[in-house]
């Protein structure tokens, strides 16, 4: 409604400007008619002058003619200047009126653009709200599906949605730290096992060597005994 009123006001201004333009044209035409009347009177005066010259041939007619010619030129010049000034004034007024109308139309168009942008923003906001509701529904579905596992991880608790992510993250971080600690201890235990295995292998090697040495000594002594008895 506001836009329609603005456009109606702008149109009325345009029509007023057009009427003033027509009035100016009428005034110009009237001035031209006045000019024509003046020229006609000048012509009548010329005729009177001719008659007067016939009656008064002894008067300096060349001087009078020159003066009258100059007066006629001056009258015509003044008439033209008056018409031009009024015409230029009307032109400036029309230009000012047209500029004012153009500014009002631009203002109305800007208002329409702002309203269109607001409408587009409202549509986008509505879509974002619908998208948020869908995400909330999906989130609730996931929580409902895994709530038993969540309770298991959180020792029987099921915190509110706003705290759920934070608490699960904390538990996972704690579990990760425990895993890293156990992994470190496992690697240390593995190193100790490897060391023990190396020691056991070394002991076994030493025992094997000792047995071989003992067997060699026993065989040597046995050979000596057999050799001694043979004599």
Protein backbone atom coordinates (compact mmCIF):
# COMPACT_ATOMS: atom_id res chain seq x y z
CA UNK A 1 0.00 0.00 0.00
CA UNK A 2 2.86 2.34 0.86
CA UNK A 3 4.43 1.68 -2.56
CA UNK A 4 1.10 2.35 -4.31
CA UNK A 5 0.75 5.68 -2.47
CA UNK A 6 4.32 6.64 -3.41
CA UNK A 7 3.71 5.80 -7.07
CA UNK A 8 0.36 7.66 -7.02
CA UNK A 9 2.04 10.74 -5.52
CA UNK A 10 4.84 10.54 -8.09
CA UNK A 11 2.29 10.27 -10.92
CA UNK A 12 0.34 13.28 -9.58
CA UNK A 13 3.57 15.29 -9.48
CA UNK A 14 4.28 14.28 -13.05
CA UNK A 15 0.77 15.34 -14.18
CA UNK A 16 1.15 18.69 -12.34
CA UNK A 17 4.48 19.21 -14.07
CA UNK A 18 2.89 18.37 -17.41
CA UNK A 19 0.08 20.88 -16.76
CA UNK A 20 2.62 23.56 -15.90
CA UNK A 21 4.46 22.71 -19.11
CA UNK A 22 1.25 23.20 -21.10
CA UNK A 23 0.63 26.51 -19.34
CA UNK A 24 4.13 27.62 -20.22
CA UNK A 25 3.53 26.71 -23.86
CA UNK A 26 0.28 28.69 -23.79
CA UNK A 27 2.11 31.66 -22.28
CA UNK A 28 4.77 31.37 -24.94
CA UNK A 29 2.09 31.35 -27.64
CA UNK A 30 0.49 34.39 -26.05
CA UNK A 31 3.84 36.18 -26.07
CA UNK A 32 4.26 35.33 -29.73
CA UNK A 33 0.81 36.75 -30.42
CA UNK A 34 1.75 39.87 -28.50
CA UNK A 35 4.93 40.10 -30.52
CA UNK A 36 2.91 39.73 -33.72
CA UNK A 37 0.59 42.49 -32.54
CA UNK A 38 3.55 44.73 -31.77
CA UNK A 39 5.02 44.09 -35.21
CA UNK A 40 1.64 44.83 -36.74
CA UNK A 41 1.48 48.11 -34.86
CA UNK A 42 5.00 48.87 -36.02
CA UNK A 43 3.84 48.26 -39.56
CA UNK A 44 0.90 50.60 -38.99
CA UNK A 45 3.30 53.18 -37.63
CA UNK A 46 5.42 52.71 -40.74
CA UNK A 47 2.41 53.45 -42.85
CA UNK A 48 1.62 56.49 -40.74
CA UNK A 49 5.21 57.54 -41.08
CA UNK A 50 5.05 57.24 -44.85
CA UNK A 51 1.95 59.38 -44.86
CA UNK A 52 3.60 61.84 -42.53
CA UNK A 53 6.68 61.93 -44.76
CA UNK A 54 4.55 62.87 -47.71
CA UNK A 55 3.09 65.71 -45.73
CA UNK A 56 6.38 66.84 -44.27
CA UNK A 57 8.99 66.22 -46.94
CA UNK A 58 11.21 68.96 -45.50
CA UNK A 59 11.87 66.95 -42.29
CA UNK A 60 15.08 64.79 -42.01
CA UNK A 61 13.45 61.49 -42.85
CA UNK A 62 16.67 59.44 -42.95
CA UNK A 63 17.37 60.22 -39.29
CA UNK A 64 13.83 59.31 -38.30
CA UNK A 65 14.01 56.07 -40.29
CA UNK A 66 17.23 55.06 -38.60
CA UNK A 67 15.87 55.83 -35.16
CA UNK A 68 12.64 54.01 -35.84
CA UNK A 69 14.53 51.01 -37.23
CA UNK A 70 16.66 50.87 -34.10
CA UNK A 71 13.57 51.10 -31.93
CA UNK A 72 11.94 48.27 -33.86
CA UNK A 73 15.06 46.11 -33.48
CA UNK A 74 15.20 46.87 -29.74
CA UNK A 75 11.51 46.02 -29.28
CA UNK A 76 12.01 42.73 -31.09
CA UNK A 77 15.12 41.94 -29.05
CA UNK A 78 13.37 42.67 -25.74
CA UNK A 79 10.39 40.57 -26.79
CA UNK A 80 12.64 37.64 -27.68
CA UNK A 81 14.59 37.97 -24.43
CA UNK A 82 11.38 37.94 -22.41
CA UNK A 83 10.11 34.85 -24.21
CA UNK A 84 13.48 33.08 -23.85
CA UNK A 85 13.71 33.87 -20.13
CA UNK A 86 10.23 32.52 -19.49
CA UNK A 87 10.94 29.45 -21.63
CA UNK A 88 14.23 28.74 -19.84
CA UNK A 89 12.55 29.23 -16.47
CA UNK A 90 9.83 26.77 -17.42
CA UNK A 91 12.43 24.28 -18.68
CA UNK A 92 14.34 24.50 -15.39
CA UNK A 93 11.13 24.05 -13.42
CA UNK A 94 10.18 21.00 -15.49
CA UNK A 95 13.65 19.52 -15.06
CA UNK A 96 13.42 20.05 -11.30
CA UNK A 97 9.97 18.42 -11.21
CA UNK A 98 11.15 15.46 -13.29
CA UNK A 99 14.21 15.02 -11.07
CA UNK A 100 12.01 15.04 -7.97
CA UNK A 101 9.72 12.41 -9.53
CA UNK A 102 12.69 10.24 -10.52
CA UNK A 103 14.04 10.41 -6.95
CA UNK A 104 10.67 9.36 -5.54
CA UNK A 105 10.46 6.46 -8.00
CA UNK A 106 14.01 5.38 -7.06
CA UNK A 107 13.08 5.53 -3.37
CA UNK A 108 10.01 3.37 -4.01
CA UNK A 109 12.10 0.87 -6.00
CA UNK A 110 14.68 0.72 -3.20
CA UNK A 111 11.91 0.05 -0.70
CA UNK A 112 10.57 -2.71 -2.94
CA UNK A 113 14.07 -4.25 -3.19
CA UNK A 114 14.46 -4.13 0.61
CA UNK A 115 11.07 -5.78 1.08
CA UNK A 116 11.97 -8.46 -1.48
CA UNK A 117 15.30 -9.10 0.29
CA UNK A 118 13.52 -9.35 3.66
CA UNK A 119 11.08 -11.82 2.16
CA UNK A 120 13.96 -13.91 0.77
CA UNK A 121 15.69 -13.85 4.17
CA UNK A 122 12.49 -15.05 5.83
CA UNK A 123 12.27 -17.95 3.37
CA UNK A 124 15.92 -18.89 4.03
CA UNK A 125 15.32 -18.69 7.80
CA UNK A 126 12.29 -20.95 7.47
CA UNK A 127 14.34 -23.49 5.50
CA UNK A 128 17.13 -23.35 8.11
CA UNK A 129 14.59 -23.94 10.89
CA UNK A 130 13.17 -26.94 9.02
CA UNK A 131 16.70 -28.28 8.48
CA UNK A 132 17.49 -27.82 12.19
CA UNK A 133 14.34 -29.70 13.17
CA UNK A 134 15.35 -32.58 10.88
CA UNK A 135 18.81 -32.68 12.48
CA UNK A 136 17.22 -32.71 15.94
CA UNK A 137 14.99 -35.63 14.94
CA UNK A 138 17.96 -37.56 13.53
CA UNK A 139 19.95 -36.83 16.69
CA UNK A 140 17.10 -38.06 18.91
CA UNK A 141 16.76 -41.20 16.80
CA UNK A 142 20.50 -41.94 17.12
CA UNK A 143 20.43 -41.34 20.89
CA UNK A 144 17.38 -43.58 21.30
CA UNK A 145 19.07 -46.28 19.23
CA UNK A 146 22.34 -46.21 21.19
CA UNK A 147 21.12 -45.12 24.64
CA UNK A 148 21.88 -48.55 26.18
CA UNK A 149 25.45 -48.35 24.91
CA UNK A 150 25.70 -44.76 26.10
CA UNK A 151 24.52 -45.79 29.57
CA UNK A 152 27.10 -48.57 29.50
CA UNK A 153 29.88 -46.13 28.66
CA UNK A 154 28.66 -43.51 31.17
CA UNK A 155 28.05 -46.05 33.97
CA UNK A 156 24.26 -46.06 33.76
CA UNK A 157 23.76 -42.35 33.17
CA UNK A 158 22.05 -40.72 30.17
CA UNK A 159 22.84 -36.97 30.34
CA UNK A 160 20.80 -34.24 28.58
CA UNK A 161 21.46 -33.61 24.89
CA UNK A 162 23.39 -30.41 25.62
CA UNK A 163 25.87 -32.33 27.85
CA UNK A 164 25.91 -35.63 25.96
CA UNK A 165 28.69 -34.84 23.49
CA UNK A 166 30.92 -33.28 26.15
CA UNK A 167 30.59 -36.20 28.57
CA UNK A 168 31.10 -38.85 25.88
CA UNK A 169 34.16 -36.93 24.66
CA UNK A 170 35.55 -36.85 28.20
CA UNK A 171 34.96 -40.59 28.67
CA UNK A 172 36.53 -41.40 25.30
CA UNK A 173 39.51 -39.21 26.17
CA UNK A 174 39.87 -41.02 29.51
CA UNK A 175 39.60 -44.42 27.80
CA UNK A 176 42.15 -43.31 25.23
CA UNK A 177 44.55 -42.26 27.98
CA UNK A 178 44.05 -45.62 29.74
CA UNK A 179 44.62 -47.43 26.47
CA UNK A 180 47.80 -45.46 25.83
CA UNK A 181 48.99 -46.23 29.37
CA UNK A 182 48.23 -49.94 28.98
CA UNK A 183 49.86 -49.95 25.58
CA UNK A 184 52.99 -48.40 27.08
CA UNK A 185 53.03 -50.92 29.91
CA UNK A 186 52.44 -53.73 27.42
CA UNK A 187 55.46 -52.63 25.38
CA UNK A 188 57.56 -52.44 28.55
CA UNK A 189 56.39 -55.92 29.61
CA UNK A 190 57.17 -57.22 26.13
CA UNK A 191 60.69 -55.82 26.43
CA UNK A 192 61.10 -57.55 29.80
CA UNK A 193 59.80 -60.84 28.34
CA UNK A 194 62.28 -60.54 25.48
CA UNK A 195 65.09 -59.90 27.96
CA UNK A 196 64.06 -62.95 30.02
CA UNK A 197 63.85 -65.07 26.89
CA UNK A 198 67.36 -63.94 25.94
CA UNK A 199 68.62 -64.83 29.41
CA UNK A 200 66.88 -68.22 29.30
CA UNK A 201 68.38 -68.88 25.89
CA UNK A 202 71.80 -67.87 27.22
CA UNK A 203 71.40 -70.19 30.23
CA UNK A 204 70.29 -73.00 27.95
CA UNK A 205 73.32 -72.45 25.75
CA UNK A 206 75.58 -72.47 28.78
CA UNK A 207 73.95 -75.66 30.08
CA UNK A 208 74.32 -77.29 26.70
CA UNK A 209 77.96 -76.31 26.57
CA UNK A 210 78.46 -77.54 30.15
CA UNK A 211 76.87 -80.88 29.31
CA UNK A 212 79.08 -81.28 26.26
CA UNK A 213 82.13 -80.43 28.33
CA UNK A 214 81.10 -82.89 31.02
CA UNK A 215 80.42 -85.58 28.44
CA UNK A 216 83.85 -85.01 26.88
CA UNK A 217 85.54 -85.22 30.31
CA UNK A 218 83.59 -88.38 31.17
CA UNK A 219 84.51 -90.02 27.88
CA UNK A 220 88.17 -89.10 28.37
CA UNK A 221 88.25 -90.52 31.88
CA UNK A 222 86.43 -93.63 30.72
CA UNK A 223 88.98 -94.20 27.98
CA UNK A 224 91.78 -93.85 30.52
CA UNK A 225 90.17 -96.42 32.79
CA UNK A 226 89.69 -98.88 29.93
CA UNK A 227 93.21 -98.36 28.78
CA UNK A 228 94.56 -98.88 32.32
CA UNK A 229 92.67 -102.15 32.80
CA UNK A 230 93.91 -103.51 29.51
CA UNK A 231 97.38 -103.67 30.96
